N, C-alpha and C. Protein backbone atom coordinates (compact mmCIF):
# COMPACT_ATOMS: atom_id res chain seq x y z
N MET A 1 -0.64 18.58 6.83
CA MET A 1 -1.47 17.40 6.77
C MET A 1 -1.47 16.80 5.36
N ARG A 2 -1.36 17.65 4.35
CA ARG A 2 -1.44 17.17 2.98
C ARG A 2 -0.34 16.16 2.65
N ASP A 3 0.86 16.39 3.16
CA ASP A 3 1.96 15.46 2.86
C ASP A 3 1.70 14.07 3.46
N VAL A 4 1.04 14.02 4.60
CA VAL A 4 0.69 12.72 5.20
C VAL A 4 -0.39 12.03 4.36
N LEU A 5 -1.40 12.79 3.97
CA LEU A 5 -2.48 12.21 3.15
C LEU A 5 -1.97 11.77 1.79
N ASP A 6 -1.03 12.52 1.23
CA ASP A 6 -0.44 12.11 -0.05
C ASP A 6 0.22 10.75 0.07
N ARG A 7 0.92 10.52 1.18
CA ARG A 7 1.62 9.24 1.37
C ARG A 7 0.65 8.09 1.56
N VAL A 8 -0.24 8.22 2.52
CA VAL A 8 -1.12 7.08 2.83
C VAL A 8 -2.23 6.93 1.80
N GLY A 9 -2.42 7.95 0.97
CA GLY A 9 -3.47 7.88 -0.03
C GLY A 9 -3.02 7.35 -1.38
N ASP A 10 -1.72 7.18 -1.58
CA ASP A 10 -1.31 6.65 -2.87
C ASP A 10 -1.54 5.15 -2.92
N LYS A 11 -1.79 4.65 -4.12
CA LYS A 11 -2.24 3.26 -4.25
C LYS A 11 -1.22 2.24 -3.74
N TRP A 12 0.07 2.49 -3.96
CA TRP A 12 1.05 1.49 -3.54
C TRP A 12 1.18 1.46 -2.02
N SER A 13 1.18 2.62 -1.38
CA SER A 13 1.29 2.64 0.08
C SER A 13 0.10 1.93 0.71
N THR A 14 -1.08 2.21 0.22
CA THR A 14 -2.30 1.59 0.75
C THR A 14 -2.22 0.07 0.63
N LEU A 15 -1.83 -0.41 -0.54
CA LEU A 15 -1.73 -1.86 -0.75
C LEU A 15 -0.65 -2.49 0.13
N LEU A 16 0.49 -1.84 0.22
CA LEU A 16 1.58 -2.40 1.03
C LEU A 16 1.23 -2.40 2.51
N LEU A 17 0.61 -1.34 2.99
CA LEU A 17 0.20 -1.30 4.40
C LEU A 17 -0.80 -2.41 4.69
N SER A 18 -1.71 -2.66 3.77
CA SER A 18 -2.70 -3.72 4.00
C SER A 18 -2.05 -5.10 3.99
N VAL A 19 -1.06 -5.31 3.14
CA VAL A 19 -0.34 -6.59 3.13
C VAL A 19 0.46 -6.76 4.42
N LEU A 20 1.14 -5.71 4.85
CA LEU A 20 1.95 -5.79 6.07
C LEU A 20 1.11 -5.87 7.33
N ALA A 21 -0.19 -5.61 7.22
CA ALA A 21 -1.08 -5.70 8.38
C ALA A 21 -1.15 -7.13 8.91
N THR A 22 -0.96 -8.11 8.05
CA THR A 22 -1.12 -9.50 8.46
C THR A 22 0.10 -10.04 9.19
N ARG A 23 1.30 -9.64 8.72
CA ARG A 23 2.55 -10.14 9.30
C ARG A 23 3.72 -9.47 8.57
N PRO A 24 4.93 -9.59 9.10
CA PRO A 24 6.10 -9.08 8.39
C PRO A 24 6.31 -9.84 7.08
N HIS A 25 6.88 -9.16 6.10
CA HIS A 25 7.15 -9.77 4.80
C HIS A 25 8.55 -9.40 4.32
N ARG A 26 9.13 -10.29 3.58
CA ARG A 26 10.38 -9.99 2.89
C ARG A 26 10.04 -9.30 1.57
N PHE A 27 11.05 -8.68 0.98
CA PHE A 27 10.86 -7.91 -0.25
C PHE A 27 10.19 -8.74 -1.34
N SER A 28 10.71 -9.94 -1.58
CA SER A 28 10.17 -10.79 -2.65
C SER A 28 8.72 -11.19 -2.37
N ALA A 29 8.37 -11.38 -1.12
CA ALA A 29 6.99 -11.72 -0.76
C ALA A 29 6.07 -10.54 -1.04
N LEU A 30 6.56 -9.33 -0.79
CA LEU A 30 5.77 -8.14 -1.10
C LEU A 30 5.58 -7.99 -2.61
N LEU A 31 6.61 -8.30 -3.37
CA LEU A 31 6.47 -8.27 -4.84
C LEU A 31 5.40 -9.24 -5.32
N ARG A 32 5.35 -10.41 -4.72
CA ARG A 32 4.33 -11.40 -5.11
C ARG A 32 2.94 -10.97 -4.65
N ALA A 33 2.86 -10.33 -3.49
CA ALA A 33 1.56 -9.93 -2.94
C ALA A 33 0.95 -8.75 -3.70
N VAL A 34 1.80 -7.92 -4.30
CA VAL A 34 1.34 -6.77 -5.08
C VAL A 34 1.97 -6.91 -6.47
N PRO A 35 1.41 -7.77 -7.31
CA PRO A 35 2.08 -8.16 -8.55
C PRO A 35 2.26 -7.04 -9.58
N ASP A 36 1.48 -5.98 -9.54
CA ASP A 36 1.60 -4.92 -10.54
C ASP A 36 2.70 -3.91 -10.21
N ILE A 37 3.28 -3.98 -9.05
CA ILE A 37 4.29 -3.01 -8.64
C ILE A 37 5.66 -3.42 -9.17
N SER A 38 6.43 -2.45 -9.64
CA SER A 38 7.79 -2.74 -10.09
C SER A 38 8.72 -2.79 -8.88
N LYS A 39 9.89 -3.39 -9.07
CA LYS A 39 10.88 -3.45 -7.98
C LYS A 39 11.28 -2.04 -7.56
N ARG A 40 11.45 -1.17 -8.53
CA ARG A 40 11.85 0.21 -8.24
C ARG A 40 10.78 0.92 -7.41
N MET A 41 9.52 0.78 -7.81
CA MET A 41 8.43 1.44 -7.09
C MET A 41 8.25 0.84 -5.70
N LEU A 42 8.41 -0.47 -5.58
CA LEU A 42 8.32 -1.11 -4.26
C LEU A 42 9.42 -0.58 -3.34
N THR A 43 10.63 -0.50 -3.84
CA THR A 43 11.74 0.02 -3.06
C THR A 43 11.47 1.45 -2.61
N GLN A 44 11.03 2.30 -3.54
CA GLN A 44 10.77 3.70 -3.21
C GLN A 44 9.63 3.85 -2.20
N THR A 45 8.56 3.09 -2.39
CA THR A 45 7.41 3.18 -1.49
C THR A 45 7.78 2.70 -0.09
N LEU A 46 8.53 1.60 -0.01
CA LEU A 46 8.97 1.12 1.30
C LEU A 46 9.87 2.14 1.99
N ARG A 47 10.75 2.77 1.24
CA ARG A 47 11.62 3.81 1.83
C ARG A 47 10.79 4.98 2.35
N ASP A 48 9.79 5.39 1.57
CA ASP A 48 8.93 6.50 1.99
C ASP A 48 8.14 6.14 3.25
N LEU A 49 7.61 4.93 3.29
CA LEU A 49 6.86 4.49 4.47
C LEU A 49 7.77 4.36 5.69
N GLU A 50 9.01 3.93 5.46
CA GLU A 50 9.97 3.84 6.55
C GLU A 50 10.33 5.25 7.04
N ARG A 51 10.54 6.16 6.12
CA ARG A 51 10.87 7.54 6.48
C ARG A 51 9.76 8.17 7.32
N ASP A 52 8.51 7.85 6.99
CA ASP A 52 7.36 8.39 7.71
C ASP A 52 7.09 7.66 9.03
N GLY A 53 7.86 6.62 9.32
CA GLY A 53 7.71 5.91 10.58
C GLY A 53 6.58 4.89 10.59
N LEU A 54 6.07 4.53 9.42
CA LEU A 54 4.96 3.58 9.35
C LEU A 54 5.43 2.14 9.18
N VAL A 55 6.62 1.98 8.63
CA VAL A 55 7.19 0.65 8.36
C VAL A 55 8.61 0.64 8.88
N GLU A 56 9.03 -0.50 9.42
CA GLU A 56 10.42 -0.65 9.80
C GLU A 56 11.04 -1.80 9.02
N ARG A 57 12.32 -1.67 8.80
CA ARG A 57 13.09 -2.61 7.99
C ARG A 57 14.10 -3.27 8.90
N GLU A 58 14.14 -4.60 8.85
CA GLU A 58 15.11 -5.35 9.65
C GLU A 58 16.00 -6.14 8.71
N VAL A 59 17.31 -5.97 8.86
CA VAL A 59 18.29 -6.70 8.04
C VAL A 59 18.85 -7.83 8.87
N PHE A 60 18.80 -9.04 8.32
CA PHE A 60 19.33 -10.22 9.00
C PHE A 60 20.73 -10.51 8.48
N PRO A 61 21.65 -10.87 9.37
CA PRO A 61 23.05 -11.09 8.97
C PRO A 61 23.25 -12.45 8.29
N THR A 62 22.70 -12.58 7.11
CA THR A 62 22.87 -13.81 6.33
C THR A 62 23.60 -13.45 5.04
N LYS A 63 23.99 -14.44 4.28
CA LYS A 63 24.63 -14.22 2.99
C LYS A 63 23.74 -14.80 1.90
N PRO A 64 23.16 -14.02 1.03
CA PRO A 64 23.11 -12.56 1.07
C PRO A 64 22.19 -12.08 2.20
N PRO A 65 22.32 -10.80 2.59
CA PRO A 65 21.48 -10.31 3.69
C PRO A 65 19.99 -10.42 3.36
N ALA A 66 19.24 -10.90 4.31
CA ALA A 66 17.78 -10.97 4.17
C ALA A 66 17.19 -9.73 4.84
N VAL A 67 16.17 -9.17 4.22
CA VAL A 67 15.52 -7.96 4.74
C VAL A 67 14.04 -8.24 4.92
N GLU A 68 13.51 -7.84 6.05
CA GLU A 68 12.09 -8.04 6.35
C GLU A 68 11.48 -6.69 6.73
N TYR A 69 10.25 -6.49 6.28
CA TYR A 69 9.52 -5.25 6.56
C TYR A 69 8.31 -5.56 7.41
N ARG A 70 8.03 -4.66 8.37
CA ARG A 70 6.86 -4.82 9.23
C ARG A 70 6.30 -3.45 9.56
N LEU A 71 5.05 -3.43 9.98
CA LEU A 71 4.45 -2.18 10.43
C LEU A 71 5.04 -1.80 11.78
N THR A 72 5.19 -0.52 12.00
CA THR A 72 5.55 -0.01 13.31
C THR A 72 4.27 0.16 14.12
N ALA A 73 4.41 0.55 15.37
CA ALA A 73 3.22 0.84 16.19
C ALA A 73 2.42 1.97 15.55
N LEU A 74 3.11 2.98 15.03
CA LEU A 74 2.41 4.07 14.34
C LEU A 74 1.71 3.56 13.08
N GLY A 75 2.39 2.71 12.33
CA GLY A 75 1.80 2.15 11.12
C GLY A 75 0.55 1.34 11.41
N ALA A 76 0.53 0.63 12.52
CA ALA A 76 -0.64 -0.16 12.89
C ALA A 76 -1.85 0.71 13.18
N THR A 77 -1.63 1.96 13.58
CA THR A 77 -2.77 2.83 13.89
C THR A 77 -3.56 3.24 12.66
N ILE A 78 -2.99 3.06 11.47
CA ILE A 78 -3.72 3.43 10.26
C ILE A 78 -4.62 2.30 9.75
N LEU A 79 -4.48 1.13 10.32
CA LEU A 79 -5.21 -0.02 9.79
C LEU A 79 -6.73 0.12 9.90
N GLU A 80 -7.20 0.65 11.00
CA GLU A 80 -8.66 0.80 11.15
C GLU A 80 -9.25 1.77 10.13
N PRO A 81 -8.74 3.00 10.02
CA PRO A 81 -9.31 3.89 8.99
C PRO A 81 -9.06 3.38 7.57
N LEU A 82 -7.91 2.76 7.34
CA LEU A 82 -7.62 2.21 6.02
C LEU A 82 -8.58 1.07 5.69
N GLY A 83 -8.90 0.25 6.68
CA GLY A 83 -9.85 -0.84 6.48
C GLY A 83 -11.22 -0.32 6.11
N GLY A 84 -11.65 0.76 6.74
CA GLY A 84 -12.93 1.38 6.40
C GLY A 84 -12.94 1.89 4.97
N LEU A 85 -11.85 2.52 4.56
CA LEU A 85 -11.75 3.03 3.19
C LEU A 85 -11.75 1.88 2.19
N MET A 86 -11.03 0.82 2.49
CA MET A 86 -10.98 -0.32 1.57
C MET A 86 -12.34 -1.02 1.49
N ALA A 87 -13.05 -1.11 2.59
CA ALA A 87 -14.39 -1.71 2.57
C ALA A 87 -15.33 -0.85 1.72
N TRP A 88 -15.23 0.47 1.87
CA TRP A 88 -16.06 1.37 1.05
C TRP A 88 -15.72 1.19 -0.43
N ALA A 89 -14.43 1.13 -0.76
CA ALA A 89 -14.01 0.96 -2.16
C ALA A 89 -14.54 -0.35 -2.73
N ASP A 90 -14.51 -1.39 -1.94
CA ASP A 90 -15.01 -2.69 -2.39
C ASP A 90 -16.52 -2.64 -2.64
N ARG A 91 -17.26 -2.02 -1.70
CA ARG A 91 -18.71 -1.91 -1.85
C ARG A 91 -19.10 -1.01 -3.03
N SER A 92 -18.31 0.01 -3.28
CA SER A 92 -18.66 1.03 -4.26
C SER A 92 -18.06 0.79 -5.64
N HIS A 93 -17.23 -0.20 -5.78
CA HIS A 93 -16.50 -0.42 -7.02
C HIS A 93 -17.42 -0.52 -8.24
N ALA A 94 -18.45 -1.33 -8.16
CA ALA A 94 -19.35 -1.51 -9.31
C ALA A 94 -20.06 -0.21 -9.66
N ALA A 95 -20.52 0.52 -8.67
CA ALA A 95 -21.21 1.79 -8.92
C ALA A 95 -20.28 2.81 -9.55
N ILE A 96 -19.04 2.83 -9.11
CA ILE A 96 -18.07 3.78 -9.67
C ILE A 96 -17.73 3.41 -11.10
N ARG A 97 -17.57 2.13 -11.38
CA ARG A 97 -17.31 1.71 -12.76
C ARG A 97 -18.48 2.06 -13.67
N ALA A 98 -19.70 1.89 -13.18
CA ALA A 98 -20.89 2.25 -13.98
C ALA A 98 -20.93 3.76 -14.21
N ALA A 99 -20.62 4.55 -13.21
CA ALA A 99 -20.61 6.01 -13.37
C ALA A 99 -19.55 6.44 -14.38
N ARG A 100 -18.41 5.82 -14.34
CA ARG A 100 -17.35 6.13 -15.31
C ARG A 100 -17.80 5.79 -16.73
N ALA A 101 -18.43 4.64 -16.88
CA ALA A 101 -18.90 4.23 -18.20
C ALA A 101 -19.93 5.22 -18.73
N ARG A 102 -20.87 5.67 -17.88
CA ARG A 102 -21.87 6.66 -18.30
C ARG A 102 -21.20 7.97 -18.70
N PHE A 103 -20.28 8.42 -17.88
CA PHE A 103 -19.57 9.66 -18.15
C PHE A 103 -18.81 9.58 -19.47
N ASP A 104 -18.07 8.48 -19.65
CA ASP A 104 -17.29 8.30 -20.86
C ASP A 104 -18.17 8.23 -22.10
N ALA A 105 -19.33 7.58 -21.99
CA ALA A 105 -20.26 7.49 -23.12
C ALA A 105 -20.79 8.87 -23.49
N LEU A 106 -21.13 9.68 -22.49
CA LEU A 106 -21.65 11.02 -22.74
C LEU A 106 -20.56 11.98 -23.21
N SER A 107 -19.33 11.72 -22.82
CA SER A 107 -18.23 12.61 -23.18
C SER A 107 -17.54 12.19 -24.48
N GLY A 108 -17.95 11.05 -25.00
CA GLY A 108 -17.31 10.55 -26.23
C GLY A 108 -15.92 10.00 -26.02
N LEU A 109 -15.63 9.57 -24.79
CA LEU A 109 -14.30 9.03 -24.50
C LEU A 109 -14.20 7.57 -24.85
């Protein structure tokens, strides 16, 4: 179970799954939707998600080839629990930042 949680719990996978929840995206659109991710990390994360059966990749026969990514049926099943986690993170963000600031002040960080 840990290997599955490691995948869906990393920040890039979570963000990419949430972006792909709306519709299929091409690589460049995913780069724009998650601006802090590098091309290398985006490529690796998409490969990992594809390997796990959460995302599928479709190559179109154009010059140059166009590639589109979408959630699989299995990938869509994570949207509900992921949405709950993201809602909690949004609600708790300010409290967590305040707790970090208190901790850092007491720890001399």
